[in-house]
Amino acid sequence: MLDSPDVLIVGAGPAGSALALHLAARAPDVARRMLVVEKQRHPRHKVCAGGLIPHTLACLRELDVPLAVPHAMIQRATARTPRGDVQYGERDLCAVVRRSEFDALLAARVRERGVALAEDERVVDIRREDGAPRVFTERREIRARIVVGADGSGSVVRRRLFEPGQEAIGRAVMCDLPAHAVGAVDGERYVFDFRAVPRGLKGYVWEFPCWIDGRLHVNLGAYALDRGRAVSLPDLVRERACELGVASARLEAFPIRWYQPRPLIASLDALLVGDAAGCDPLMGEGISYAFEYGRLAAETIVMALRRRDIDLSSYSRSVSASWFGRKLRRLKAVASLFYGPGSALGFAVAARSIRLQNVGIRWYNGVGDWDRISGWQALGRLASGAW
């Protein structure tokens, strides 16, 4: 196993695996000098709702990774808003997976493409000495030319190698309820409930159908952009579980770091991808962005190695200027509308306009080119009815 790789990726979740797969496809010579370290062994437990939007599914096809794990394919949606329920139906809105199975699938593909993957190897410290990062795991010291933090919202790479900035951390709480315990479950519908927003919740409650050990379940959870300062997320989940007929549920919580253009997410010899860099602040979705971070990081790394002059600092600007960087900033603006003082107006308009519902969901899901065009182009299409 490499102790001095050209590229060390810390974390074998979707972001780390996506980067490894992009590098293996783009530069096999780099992939042979790359090491991925993962603190646990796949399949490992991962607390996450596991929603794969259409753009994520397109990224899997691009990397030739069939979705060969159990999943619930969502064809219908319900949004519960302070202005009433909104029903929506469109083919293949989302696929819901168990992250333990999905992440293991990606890690297996990484190994199949010839990339070295060390599991059960936790990074305990990173120091910068003589101008270069030295990574210490529970087993050894690794000296790499490039270090990538793909280790989630609480990234040790971020903490050790990057200047601290204002923390942009949300929170989610979830549980899994057997379908037989909650009565009738639509296995092709997800529910987003925003009715607690007027009470101060900067987020929503979700209900996703999912398959666990061959049996249908409901993944029930709550997300808040601000960690649930005004409304208790555990209480929201427990209240909804009781409404569904389950008096006691085992809750699990996890942090969600959302994207901010500052502080920087790259230096001369290190960069961040996936949740370590930041995900969607509106809904807390990060898997689709993991693949895009991975794509852009792969381009940056290959160019740096080809130049033989390692300088990854342009990656921060590249992310900010990219279509998905712009989308992440726009999602923050949308979050400010729906979770802020203007929420009543925002929900009223969204509930009444079928056109905005269609465009909004397609923009969010990455269907067509709605998330690639400018705001003015989008307004022009809406005005002309070309949607």
Protein backbone atom coordinates (compact mmCIF):
# COMPACT_ATOMS: atom_id res chain seq x y z
CA MET A 1 0.00 0.00 0.00
CA LEU A 2 1.36 3.42 -0.97
CA ASP A 3 2.92 5.48 1.82
CA SER A 4 3.94 8.33 -0.50
CA PRO A 5 1.18 8.64 -3.13
CA ASP A 6 0.85 11.53 -5.53
CA VAL A 7 -2.78 11.95 -4.39
CA LEU A 8 -4.21 11.00 -1.00
CA ILE A 9 -8.01 11.11 -0.72
CA VAL A 10 -9.29 11.07 2.86
CA GLY A 11 -12.78 9.57 2.87
CA ALA A 12 -14.45 6.98 0.62
CA GLY A 13 -17.97 8.35 0.56
CA PRO A 14 -19.59 9.65 -2.65
CA ALA A 15 -17.21 12.62 -3.00
CA GLY A 16 -14.00 10.66 -2.48
CA SER A 17 -15.17 7.80 -4.70
CA ALA A 18 -16.42 10.17 -7.41
CA LEU A 19 -13.04 11.92 -7.48
CA ALA A 20 -11.21 8.58 -7.65
CA LEU A 21 -13.45 7.37 -10.47
CA HIS A 22 -13.03 10.61 -12.44
CA LEU A 23 -9.25 10.43 -12.03
CA ALA A 24 -9.18 6.76 -13.05
CA ALA A 25 -11.13 7.60 -16.22
CA ARG A 26 -9.23 10.77 -17.05
CA ALA A 27 -5.67 9.87 -16.02
CA PRO A 28 -5.00 6.18 -15.27
CA ASP A 29 -1.34 6.96 -14.60
CA VAL A 30 -2.39 9.31 -11.78
CA ALA A 31 -4.85 6.73 -10.46
CA ARG A 32 -2.03 4.21 -10.06
CA ARG A 33 -0.26 6.67 -7.75
CA MET A 34 -3.37 7.49 -5.73
CA LEU A 35 -4.53 6.23 -2.33
CA VAL A 36 -7.97 6.48 -0.73
CA VAL A 37 -8.20 5.98 3.04
CA GLU A 38 -11.51 5.32 4.78
CA LYS A 39 -11.92 5.27 8.55
CA GLN A 40 -14.46 2.41 8.46
CA ARG A 41 -15.04 -0.70 6.35
CA HIS A 42 -17.74 -0.84 3.69
CA PRO A 43 -20.59 -1.37 3.98
CA ARG A 44 -20.55 0.99 6.97
CA HIS A 45 -23.48 2.65 8.68
CA LYS A 46 -24.21 6.13 7.35
CA VAL A 47 -26.92 8.41 8.71
CA CYS A 48 -28.48 10.08 5.66
CA ALA A 49 -31.83 10.08 3.85
CA GLY A 50 -30.12 8.81 0.68
CA GLY A 51 -31.98 10.70 -2.04
CA LEU A 52 -30.43 10.57 -5.53
CA ILE A 53 -31.85 13.30 -7.78
CA PRO A 54 -31.88 12.77 -11.59
CA HIS A 55 -28.61 14.65 -12.00
CA THR A 56 -26.91 12.19 -9.64
CA LEU A 57 -28.27 9.27 -11.65
CA ALA A 58 -26.88 10.89 -14.81
CA CYS A 59 -23.47 11.20 -13.11
CA LEU A 60 -23.55 7.49 -12.26
CA ARG A 61 -24.28 6.62 -15.90
CA GLU A 62 -21.42 8.86 -17.02
CA LEU A 63 -19.02 6.97 -14.75
CA ASP A 64 -20.47 3.61 -15.85
CA VAL A 65 -21.75 2.74 -12.38
CA PRO A 66 -25.14 0.97 -12.56
CA LEU A 67 -27.41 1.62 -9.58
CA ALA A 68 -27.15 -2.03 -8.53
CA VAL A 69 -28.48 -1.61 -4.97
CA PRO A 70 -32.06 -1.73 -3.67
CA HIS A 71 -33.78 1.61 -4.18
CA ALA A 72 -37.22 3.19 -4.16
CA MET A 73 -37.97 5.09 -7.37
CA ILE A 74 -40.03 8.20 -6.63
CA GLN A 75 -42.72 9.14 -9.16
CA ARG A 76 -44.92 11.41 -7.02
CA ALA A 77 -44.35 14.19 -4.52
CA THR A 78 -46.34 16.02 -1.87
CA ALA A 79 -45.24 19.37 -0.47
CA ARG A 80 -47.08 20.38 2.68
CA THR A 81 -46.86 24.15 2.98
CA PRO A 82 -48.42 26.75 5.29
CA ARG A 83 -50.71 27.56 2.32
CA GLY A 84 -51.89 23.97 1.81
CA ASP A 85 -50.70 20.77 0.16
CA VAL A 86 -49.22 20.73 -3.32
CA GLN A 87 -49.21 17.49 -5.30
CA TYR A 88 -46.69 16.83 -8.06
CA GLY A 89 -46.09 13.92 -10.38
CA GLU A 90 -43.23 13.45 -12.81
CA ARG A 91 -41.38 10.31 -13.83
CA ASP A 92 -38.23 9.45 -11.88
CA LEU A 93 -38.17 12.37 -9.45
CA CYS A 94 -35.62 10.69 -7.21
CA ALA A 95 -34.16 7.32 -6.22
CA VAL A 96 -33.90 6.60 -2.49
CA VAL A 97 -31.05 4.31 -1.42
CA ARG A 98 -29.48 3.20 1.82
CA ARG A 99 -26.18 4.99 2.05
CA SER A 100 -24.40 1.95 3.48
CA GLU A 101 -25.19 0.02 0.29
CA PHE A 102 -24.69 2.94 -2.10
CA ASP A 103 -21.33 3.98 -0.69
CA ALA A 104 -20.15 0.36 -0.72
CA LEU A 105 -21.14 0.13 -4.39
CA LEU A 106 -19.04 3.19 -5.24
CA ALA A 107 -16.08 1.94 -3.21
CA ALA A 108 -16.21 -1.42 -5.00
CA ARG A 109 -16.10 0.37 -8.38
CA VAL A 110 -13.10 2.39 -7.18
CA ARG A 111 -11.22 -0.83 -6.43
CA GLU A 112 -12.31 -2.36 -9.74
CA ARG A 113 -10.77 0.62 -11.57
CA GLY A 114 -7.38 -0.15 -10.01
CA VAL A 115 -7.32 2.49 -7.26
CA ALA A 116 -5.77 1.58 -3.90
CA LEU A 117 -8.36 1.80 -1.10
CA ALA A 118 -7.37 1.30 2.55
CA GLU A 119 -10.35 0.73 4.86
CA ASP A 120 -10.47 0.72 8.65
CA GLU A 121 -7.76 3.38 8.62
CA ARG A 122 -8.69 6.56 10.47
CA VAL A 123 -6.72 9.78 9.99
CA VAL A 124 -5.82 11.04 13.46
CA ASP A 125 -3.69 14.08 12.62
CA ILE A 126 -2.34 16.16 9.76
CA ARG A 127 0.63 18.48 10.11
CA ARG A 128 2.28 20.77 7.65
CA GLU A 129 6.05 20.40 7.97
CA ASP A 130 8.75 21.70 5.59
CA GLY A 131 5.98 23.13 3.42
CA ALA A 132 4.26 19.77 2.86
CA PRO A 133 1.37 17.94 4.56
CA ARG A 134 2.15 14.87 6.67
CA VAL A 135 -0.89 12.68 7.30
CA PHE A 136 -0.92 10.36 10.30
CA THR A 137 -3.38 7.49 10.44
CA GLU A 138 -3.84 4.93 13.21
CA ARG A 139 -1.36 2.72 11.33
CA ARG A 140 1.26 4.89 9.65
CA GLU A 141 2.48 8.19 8.28
CA ILE A 142 1.56 9.09 4.70
CA ARG A 143 3.40 11.77 2.76
CA ALA A 144 1.44 12.81 -0.32
CA ARG A 145 2.03 15.52 -2.89
CA ILE A 146 -1.71 16.35 -2.84
CA VAL A 147 -4.21 15.80 0.00
CA VAL A 148 -7.96 15.82 -0.65
CA GLY A 149 -10.51 16.20 2.13
CA ALA A 150 -13.54 14.06 1.24
CA ASP A 151 -14.29 13.31 4.86
CA GLY A 152 -17.63 14.99 5.36
CA SER A 153 -19.02 17.97 7.25
CA GLY A 154 -16.65 17.49 10.19
CA SER A 155 -13.62 17.09 7.90
CA VAL A 156 -10.31 16.61 9.72
CA VAL A 157 -8.55 17.84 6.56
CA ARG A 158 -10.52 21.05 6.71
CA ARG A 159 -9.77 21.54 10.40
CA ARG A 160 -6.04 20.87 10.06
CA LEU A 161 -5.10 22.41 6.72
CA PHE A 162 -7.50 25.32 6.22
CA GLU A 163 -8.13 28.57 8.01
CA PRO A 164 -11.25 28.42 10.18
CA GLY A 165 -14.13 30.56 9.03
CA GLN A 166 -17.69 31.20 10.10
CA GLU A 167 -19.28 27.79 10.59
CA ALA A 168 -22.08 27.09 8.13
CA ILE A 169 -23.46 23.95 9.72
CA GLY A 170 -27.04 22.72 9.58
CA ARG A 171 -28.42 19.62 11.25
CA ALA A 172 -30.70 16.73 10.44
CA VAL A 173 -32.42 14.18 12.67
CA MET A 174 -33.97 10.99 11.27
CA CYS A 175 -35.38 7.54 12.00
CA ASP A 176 -36.62 4.53 10.05
CA LEU A 177 -40.17 3.26 10.56
CA PRO A 178 -41.34 -0.15 9.23
CA ALA A 179 -44.16 0.30 6.72
CA HIS A 180 -46.38 -2.21 8.56
CA ALA A 181 -46.21 0.02 11.66
CA VAL A 182 -47.47 3.16 9.89
CA GLY A 183 -50.24 1.67 7.76
CA ALA A 184 -50.54 2.42 4.07
CA VAL A 185 -47.27 3.66 2.52
CA ASP A 186 -46.94 4.88 -1.05
CA GLY A 187 -43.62 3.36 -2.07
CA GLU A 188 -43.27 5.83 -4.96
CA ARG A 189 -44.01 9.11 -3.15
CA TYR A 190 -41.90 11.40 -1.00
CA VAL A 191 -43.24 14.13 1.27
CA PHE A 192 -41.66 17.45 2.22
CA ASP A 193 -43.44 19.25 5.04
CA PHE A 194 -42.74 22.98 5.50
CA ARG A 195 -45.62 23.72 7.89
CA ALA A 196 -43.30 24.43 10.82
CA VAL A 197 -41.57 27.29 8.98
CA PRO A 198 -43.95 29.94 10.46
CA ARG A 199 -42.93 28.62 13.92
CA GLY A 200 -39.30 29.44 13.14
CA LEU A 201 -38.05 26.25 11.48
CA LYS A 202 -35.52 27.05 8.75
CA GLY A 203 -36.04 23.74 7.05
CA TYR A 204 -38.57 20.96 6.66
CA VAL A 205 -39.71 17.50 7.71
CA TRP A 206 -39.34 14.69 5.19
CA GLU A 207 -40.83 11.24 4.59
CA PHE A 208 -39.02 8.98 2.11
CA PRO A 209 -39.97 5.39 1.26
CA CYS A 210 -36.94 3.10 1.39
CA TRP A 211 -36.06 -0.58 1.41
CA ILE A 212 -34.24 -2.15 4.36
CA ASP A 213 -33.46 -5.87 4.27
CA GLY A 214 -36.10 -6.37 1.59
CA ARG A 215 -38.86 -4.64 3.54
CA LEU A 216 -40.49 -1.29 2.84
CA HIS A 217 -39.85 1.43 5.44
CA VAL A 218 -40.43 5.15 5.84
CA ASN A 219 -37.32 7.24 6.42
CA LEU A 220 -38.64 10.12 8.53
CA GLY A 221 -36.51 13.14 9.37
CA ALA A 222 -36.19 16.88 9.85
CA TYR A 223 -33.58 19.32 8.55
CA ALA A 224 -32.74 22.85 9.67
CA LEU A 225 -30.31 25.26 8.05
CA ASP A 226 -29.52 26.73 11.48
CA ARG A 227 -29.39 23.41 13.42
CA GLY A 228 -32.94 23.89 14.65
CA ARG A 229 -32.40 26.79 17.02
CA ALA A 230 -36.04 27.88 17.09
CA VAL A 231 -37.78 24.50 16.77
CA SER A 232 -36.60 21.18 18.17
CA LEU A 233 -35.85 18.77 15.33
CA PRO A 234 -36.17 15.65 17.53
CA ASP A 235 -39.57 16.89 18.72
CA LEU A 236 -40.73 17.43 15.13
CA VAL A 237 -39.70 13.90 14.16
CA ARG A 238 -41.28 12.35 17.25
CA GLU A 239 -44.52 14.29 16.69
CA ARG A 240 -44.79 13.05 13.12
CA ALA A 241 -43.89 9.49 14.12
CA CYS A 242 -46.73 9.56 16.67
CA GLU A 243 -49.12 10.85 13.99
CA LEU A 244 -48.10 7.86 11.88
CA GLY A 245 -48.85 5.52 14.79
CA VAL A 246 -45.33 4.90 16.11
CA ALA A 247 -44.98 5.91 19.76
CA SER A 248 -41.23 5.39 20.05
CA ALA A 249 -38.56 5.73 17.39
CA ARG A 250 -34.75 5.53 17.49
CA LEU A 251 -33.44 8.91 16.36
CA GLU A 252 -30.06 9.60 14.78
CA ALA A 253 -28.57 13.02 14.02
CA PHE A 254 -25.92 14.29 11.64
CA PRO A 255 -24.42 17.68 10.68
CA ILE A 256 -24.74 19.20 7.22
CA ARG A 257 -22.19 21.79 6.11
CA TRP A 258 -23.55 24.11 3.46
CA TYR A 259 -21.49 25.86 0.84
CA GLN A 260 -20.09 29.36 1.22
CA PRO A 261 -17.72 31.07 -1.27
CA ARG A 262 -15.55 32.00 1.71
CA PRO A 263 -13.42 30.68 3.34
CA LEU A 264 -11.27 29.09 0.65
CA ILE A 265 -11.54 25.36 -0.03
CA ALA A 266 -8.12 24.94 -1.72
CA SER A 267 -4.46 25.70 -1.05
CA LEU A 268 -1.25 24.90 -2.90
CA ASP A 269 -1.38 21.16 -2.12
CA ALA A 270 -4.80 20.43 -0.62
CA LEU A 271 -8.46 20.84 -1.53
CA LEU A 272 -11.91 19.88 -0.27
CA VAL A 273 -14.73 18.04 -2.02
CA GLY A 274 -18.29 17.04 -1.15
CA ASP A 275 -19.70 17.91 2.26
CA ALA A 276 -16.25 18.98 3.45
CA ALA A 277 -16.55 21.83 0.92
CA GLY A 278 -20.28 22.40 1.40
CA CYS A 279 -23.62 21.24 0.03
CA ASP A 280 -27.07 22.67 -0.72
CA PRO A 281 -28.34 24.97 2.06
CA LEU A 282 -32.00 24.82 1.00
CA MET A 283 -32.62 21.07 1.37
CA GLY A 284 -29.28 19.77 2.62
CA GLU A 285 -28.70 17.65 -0.51
CA GLY A 286 -25.07 16.84 -1.12
CA ILE A 287 -24.69 13.68 -3.20
CA SER A 288 -25.15 15.31 -6.61
CA TYR A 289 -22.64 18.02 -5.67
CA ALA A 290 -20.19 15.35 -4.50
CA PHE A 291 -19.96 14.15 -8.09
CA GLU A 292 -19.49 17.67 -9.45
CA TYR A 293 -16.84 18.56 -6.89
CA GLY A 294 -15.14 15.29 -7.83
CA ARG A 295 -15.20 16.12 -11.52
CA LEU A 296 -13.75 19.61 -11.06
CA ALA A 297 -11.17 18.45 -8.50
CA ALA A 298 -9.99 15.75 -10.92
CA GLU A 299 -9.45 18.35 -13.65
CA THR A 300 -7.54 20.59 -11.25
CA ILE A 301 -5.34 17.78 -9.93
CA VAL A 302 -4.46 16.40 -13.36
CA MET A 303 -3.47 19.83 -14.66
CA ALA A 304 -1.33 20.48 -11.56
CA LEU A 305 0.49 17.16 -11.87
CA ARG A 306 1.03 17.60 -15.59
CA ARG A 307 2.61 21.02 -14.95
CA ARG A 308 4.84 19.48 -12.26
CA ASP A 309 4.15 22.62 -10.29
CA ILE A 310 1.60 21.74 -7.62
CA ASP A 311 -0.72 24.67 -7.05
CA LEU A 312 -4.39 23.87 -6.46
CA SER A 313 -5.41 27.32 -5.24
CA SER A 314 -7.40 28.06 -8.42
CA TYR A 315 -9.89 25.33 -7.43
CA SER A 316 -11.72 27.63 -4.99
CA ARG A 317 -12.33 30.15 -7.77
CA SER A 318 -13.24 27.42 -10.23
CA VAL A 319 -15.92 26.05 -7.90
CA SER A 320 -17.33 29.52 -7.28
CA ALA A 321 -17.44 30.29 -11.03
CA SER A 322 -18.83 26.89 -12.05
CA TRP A 323 -22.48 26.27 -12.86
CA PHE A 324 -22.91 24.23 -9.68
CA GLY A 325 -21.17 26.91 -7.59
CA ARG A 326 -23.67 29.45 -8.93
CA LYS A 327 -26.49 27.03 -8.21
CA LEU A 328 -25.36 26.59 -4.61
CA ARG A 329 -25.34 30.37 -4.11
CA ARG A 330 -28.80 30.64 -5.67
CA LEU A 331 -30.05 27.90 -3.37
CA LYS A 332 -28.89 30.00 -0.43
CA ALA A 333 -30.91 32.92 -1.81
CA VAL A 334 -33.97 30.67 -2.18
CA ALA A 335 -33.44 29.41 1.38
CA SER A 336 -33.36 33.01 2.61
CA LEU A 337 -36.72 33.57 0.90
CA PHE A 338 -38.57 30.46 2.05
CA TYR A 339 -37.01 30.27 5.52
CA GLY A 340 -36.94 34.02 6.16
CA PRO A 341 -39.36 36.93 6.61
CA GLY A 342 -40.69 36.52 3.06
CA SER A 343 -41.68 32.89 3.52
CA ALA A 344 -45.45 33.54 3.49
CA LEU A 345 -45.24 35.23 0.09
CA GLY A 346 -42.82 32.63 -1.26
CA PHE A 347 -45.04 29.69 -0.31
CA ALA A 348 -48.17 31.48 -1.58
CA VAL A 349 -46.66 32.06 -5.03
CA ALA A 350 -45.18 28.56 -5.24
CA ALA A 351 -48.46 26.93 -4.20
CA ARG A 352 -50.47 28.80 -6.86
CA SER A 353 -48.14 28.56 -9.86
CA ILE A 354 -47.90 25.19 -11.59
CA ARG A 355 -45.37 26.71 -13.98
CA LEU A 356 -43.05 27.70 -11.14
CA GLN A 357 -43.48 24.29 -9.54
CA ASN A 358 -42.42 22.54 -12.76
CA VAL A 359 -39.47 24.84 -13.38
CA GLY A 360 -38.38 24.82 -9.73
CA ILE A 361 -38.33 21.03 -9.45
CA ARG A 362 -36.55 20.60 -12.79
CA TRP A 363 -34.01 23.26 -11.83
CA TYR A 364 -33.40 21.63 -8.48
CA ASN A 365 -33.20 18.10 -9.91
CA GLY A 366 -30.87 19.05 -12.76
CA VAL A 367 -33.36 18.10 -15.49
CA GLY A 368 -32.67 19.88 -18.77
CA ASP A 369 -30.45 22.94 -18.60
CA TRP A 370 -32.39 25.03 -16.09
CA ASP A 371 -29.54 24.92 -13.58
CA ARG A 372 -26.98 25.96 -16.20
CA ILE A 373 -28.62 29.10 -17.61
CA SER A 374 -28.56 32.63 -16.19
CA GLY A 375 -31.34 34.14 -14.13
CA TRP A 376 -32.26 36.45 -16.99
CA GLN A 377 -32.52 33.52 -19.41
CA ALA A 378 -34.75 31.69 -16.94
CA LEU A 379 -37.03 34.72 -16.57
CA GLY A 380 -37.21 35.03 -20.35
CA ARG A 381 -38.29 31.43 -20.72
CA LEU A 382 -40.89 31.78 -17.98
CA ALA A 383 -42.27 34.94 -19.57
CA SER A 384 -42.47 33.31 -23.00
CA GLY A 385 -43.94 30.07 -21.68
CA ALA A 386 -40.99 28.07 -23.11
CA TRP A 387 -40.63 25.75 -20.10
